[in-house]
Amino acid sequence: MKKPIQLHETQKFAIAIPVLFVLSCATKHWVERFRFSDEFRWIYEYVGVGALLLSFFLVVFSFTNSVLILRDLKIKGFQKALWFLLSSSIFLLFAGLIIAMAFNVA
């Protein structure tokens, strides 16, 4: 019987960051249906703001975790690069969007 792979804490966060980002975007999209409801508009307001704040937090955490992966993770170069790209994917997405808006490309 094989032993399960032991992941470093930064590797676990590298998996969790994109998953949580996709879930927060899906939640933000899902609560749009409550926007025009008189009874449930509070769901749109509070959950929408919470999902937006979570997304911005994940961008910052993506950058931080990527630096920690480069600094602390003791694995070979190619695997470390893959974990770095997974962890920094959300940060790179937002950095690319900001650069595209700055040069009016998008």
C-alpha atoms as a PDB file:
ATOM      1  CA  MET A   1       0.000   0.000   0.000  1.00  0.00           C
ATOM      2  CA  LYS A   2       1.394   3.409  -0.989  1.00  0.00           C
ATOM      3  CA  LYS A   3       1.804   6.210   1.485  1.00  0.00           C
ATOM      4  CA  PRO A   4      -0.178   9.347   0.675  1.00  0.00           C
ATOM      5  CA  ILE A   5       1.880  12.253  -0.558  1.00  0.00           C
ATOM      6  CA  GLN A   6       2.802  14.637   2.219  1.00  0.00           C
ATOM      7  CA  LEU A   7       2.321  18.200   1.011  1.00  0.00           C
ATOM      8  CA  HIS A   8       4.023  21.199   2.535  1.00  0.00           C
ATOM      9  CA  GLU A   9       1.719  23.869   3.988  1.00  0.00           C
ATOM     10  CA  THR A  10       2.503  26.268   1.137  1.00  0.00           C
ATOM     11  CA  GLN A  11       1.539  23.570  -1.379  1.00  0.00           C
ATOM     12  CA  LYS A  12      -1.832  23.124   0.332  1.00  0.00           C
ATOM     13  CA  PHE A  13      -2.399  26.873   0.173  1.00  0.00           C
ATOM     14  CA  ALA A  14      -1.308  26.873  -3.485  1.00  0.00           C
ATOM     15  CA  ILE A  15      -4.194  24.495  -4.205  1.00  0.00           C
ATOM     16  CA  ALA A  16      -6.679  26.305  -1.971  1.00  0.00           C
ATOM     17  CA  ILE A  17      -6.094  29.806  -3.376  1.00  0.00           C
ATOM     18  CA  PRO A  18      -7.369  29.200  -6.959  1.00  0.00           C
ATOM     19  CA  VAL A  19     -10.197  26.971  -5.697  1.00  0.00           C
ATOM     20  CA  LEU A  20     -11.406  29.632  -3.263  1.00  0.00           C
ATOM     21  CA  PHE A  21     -11.062  32.307  -5.935  1.00  0.00           C
ATOM     22  CA  VAL A  22     -13.243  30.358  -8.378  1.00  0.00           C
ATOM     23  CA  LEU A  23     -15.801  29.723  -5.622  1.00  0.00           C
ATOM     24  CA  SER A  24     -15.901  33.408  -4.667  1.00  0.00           C
ATOM     25  CA  CYS A  25     -16.408  34.410  -8.313  1.00  0.00           C
ATOM     26  CA  ALA A  26     -19.160  31.825  -8.703  1.00  0.00           C
ATOM     27  CA  THR A  27     -20.822  33.050  -5.510  1.00  0.00           C
ATOM     28  CA  LYS A  28     -20.662  36.648  -6.708  1.00  0.00           C
ATOM     29  CA  HIS A  29     -22.260  35.589  -9.981  1.00  0.00           C
ATOM     30  CA  TRP A  30     -24.911  33.492  -8.209  1.00  0.00           C
ATOM     31  CA  VAL A  31     -26.092  36.284  -5.877  1.00  0.00           C
ATOM     32  CA  GLU A  32     -26.717  38.609  -8.838  1.00  0.00           C
ATOM     33  CA  ARG A  33     -30.216  37.103  -9.074  1.00  0.00           C
ATOM     34  CA  PHE A  34     -31.089  38.744  -5.741  1.00  0.00           C
ATOM     35  CA  ARG A  35     -30.180  42.194  -7.005  1.00  0.00           C
ATOM     36  CA  PHE A  36     -33.691  43.266  -8.001  1.00  0.00           C
ATOM     37  CA  SER A  37     -35.566  41.445  -5.234  1.00  0.00           C
ATOM     38  CA  ASP A  38     -37.056  43.677  -2.544  1.00  0.00           C
ATOM     39  CA  GLU A  39     -37.035  40.960   0.119  1.00  0.00           C
ATOM     40  CA  PHE A  40     -33.629  39.441  -0.571  1.00  0.00           C
ATOM     41  CA  ARG A  41     -31.550  42.391  -1.727  1.00  0.00           C
ATOM     42  CA  TRP A  42     -29.568  42.151   1.501  1.00  0.00           C
ATOM     43  CA  ILE A  43     -28.203  38.806   0.282  1.00  0.00           C
ATOM     44  CA  TYR A  44     -26.893  40.494  -2.848  1.00  0.00           C
ATOM     45  CA  GLU A  45     -25.339  43.336  -0.879  1.00  0.00           C
ATOM     46  CA  TYR A  46     -23.645  41.433   1.938  1.00  0.00           C
ATOM     47  CA  VAL A  47     -22.611  38.273   0.123  1.00  0.00           C
ATOM     48  CA  GLY A  48     -21.474  40.244  -2.915  1.00  0.00           C
ATOM     49  CA  VAL A  49     -19.252  42.496  -0.808  1.00  0.00           C
ATOM     50  CA  GLY A  50     -17.926  39.494   1.112  1.00  0.00           C
ATOM     51  CA  ALA A  51     -17.051  37.655  -2.114  1.00  0.00           C
ATOM     52  CA  LEU A  52     -15.331  40.753  -3.473  1.00  0.00           C
ATOM     53  CA  LEU A  53     -13.287  41.198  -0.301  1.00  0.00           C
ATOM     54  CA  LEU A  54     -12.344  37.517  -0.357  1.00  0.00           C
ATOM     55  CA  SER A  55     -11.172  37.876  -3.953  1.00  0.00           C
ATOM     56  CA  PHE A  56      -8.931  40.827  -3.118  1.00  0.00           C
ATOM     57  CA  PHE A  57      -7.583  39.015  -0.051  1.00  0.00           C
ATOM     58  CA  LEU A  58      -6.766  35.997  -2.224  1.00  0.00           C
ATOM     59  CA  VAL A  59      -4.801  38.184  -4.655  1.00  0.00           C
ATOM     60  CA  VAL A  60      -2.598  39.412  -1.812  1.00  0.00           C
ATOM     61  CA  PHE A  61      -2.342  35.937  -0.300  1.00  0.00           C
ATOM     62  CA  SER A  62      -1.434  34.524  -3.712  1.00  0.00           C
ATOM     63  CA  PHE A  63       1.568  36.843  -3.909  1.00  0.00           C
ATOM     64  CA  THR A  64       2.604  36.097  -0.327  1.00  0.00           C
ATOM     65  CA  ASN A  65       2.322  32.337  -0.724  1.00  0.00           C
ATOM     66  CA  SER A  66       4.297  32.472  -3.969  1.00  0.00           C
ATOM     67  CA  VAL A  67       7.169  34.199  -2.204  1.00  0.00           C
ATOM     68  CA  LEU A  68       7.014  31.585   0.559  1.00  0.00           C
ATOM     69  CA  ILE A  69       7.104  28.794  -2.016  1.00  0.00           C
ATOM     70  CA  LEU A  70      10.274  30.236  -3.540  1.00  0.00           C
ATOM     71  CA  ARG A  71      11.856  30.725  -0.153  1.00  0.00           C
ATOM     72  CA  ASP A  72      10.805  27.688   1.923  1.00  0.00           C
ATOM     73  CA  LEU A  73       9.869  24.828  -0.368  1.00  0.00           C
ATOM     74  CA  LYS A  74      12.675  22.292  -0.690  1.00  0.00           C
ATOM     75  CA  ILE A  75      11.927  20.477  -3.957  1.00  0.00           C
ATOM     76  CA  LYS A  76      13.523  20.339  -7.394  1.00  0.00           C
ATOM     77  CA  GLY A  77      13.400  23.286  -9.783  1.00  0.00           C
ATOM     78  CA  PHE A  78      10.719  22.206 -12.249  1.00  0.00           C
ATOM     79  CA  GLN A  79       8.272  21.076  -9.549  1.00  0.00           C
ATOM     80  CA  LYS A  80       8.929  24.251  -7.587  1.00  0.00           C
ATOM     81  CA  ALA A  81       8.172  26.300 -10.715  1.00  0.00           C
ATOM     82  CA  LEU A  82       4.862  24.490 -11.189  1.00  0.00           C
ATOM     83  CA  TRP A  83       3.845  25.079  -7.572  1.00  0.00           C
ATOM     84  CA  PHE A  84       4.911  28.717  -7.908  1.00  0.00           C
ATOM     85  CA  LEU A  85       2.778  29.184 -11.026  1.00  0.00           C
ATOM     86  CA  LEU A  86      -0.228  27.545  -9.375  1.00  0.00           C
ATOM     87  CA  SER A  87       0.108  29.730  -6.316  1.00  0.00           C
ATOM     88  CA  SER A  88       0.756  32.955  -8.205  1.00  0.00           C
ATOM     89  CA  SER A  89      -1.922  32.380 -10.859  1.00  0.00           C
ATOM     90  CA  ILE A  90      -4.463  34.701  -9.219  1.00  0.00           C
ATOM     91  CA  PHE A  91      -1.873  37.427  -8.641  1.00  0.00           C
ATOM     92  CA  LEU A  92      -0.642  37.131 -12.229  1.00  0.00           C
ATOM     93  CA  LEU A  93      -4.228  37.292 -13.508  1.00  0.00           C
ATOM     94  CA  PHE A  94      -4.887  40.555 -11.702  1.00  0.00           C
ATOM     95  CA  ALA A  95      -1.482  41.979 -12.611  1.00  0.00           C
ATOM     96  CA  GLY A  96      -2.177  41.205 -16.275  1.00  0.00           C
ATOM     97  CA  LEU A  97      -5.600  42.848 -16.070  1.00  0.00           C
ATOM     98  CA  ILE A  98      -4.144  45.979 -14.484  1.00  0.00           C
ATOM     99  CA  ILE A  99      -1.419  46.189 -17.129  1.00  0.00           C
ATOM    100  CA  ALA A 100      -3.987  45.688 -19.891  1.00  0.00           C
ATOM    101  CA  MET A 101      -6.151  48.471 -18.458  1.00  0.00           C
ATOM    102  CA  ALA A 102      -3.140  50.754 -18.103  1.00  0.00           C
ATOM    103  CA  PHE A 103      -2.274  50.345 -21.759  1.00  0.00           C
ATOM    104  CA  ASN A 104      -5.961  50.368 -22.737  1.00  0.00           C
ATOM    105  CA  VAL A 105      -5.649  46.950 -24.398  1.00  0.00           C
ATOM    106  CA  ALA A 106      -8.725  45.305 -22.935  1.00  0.00           C
END
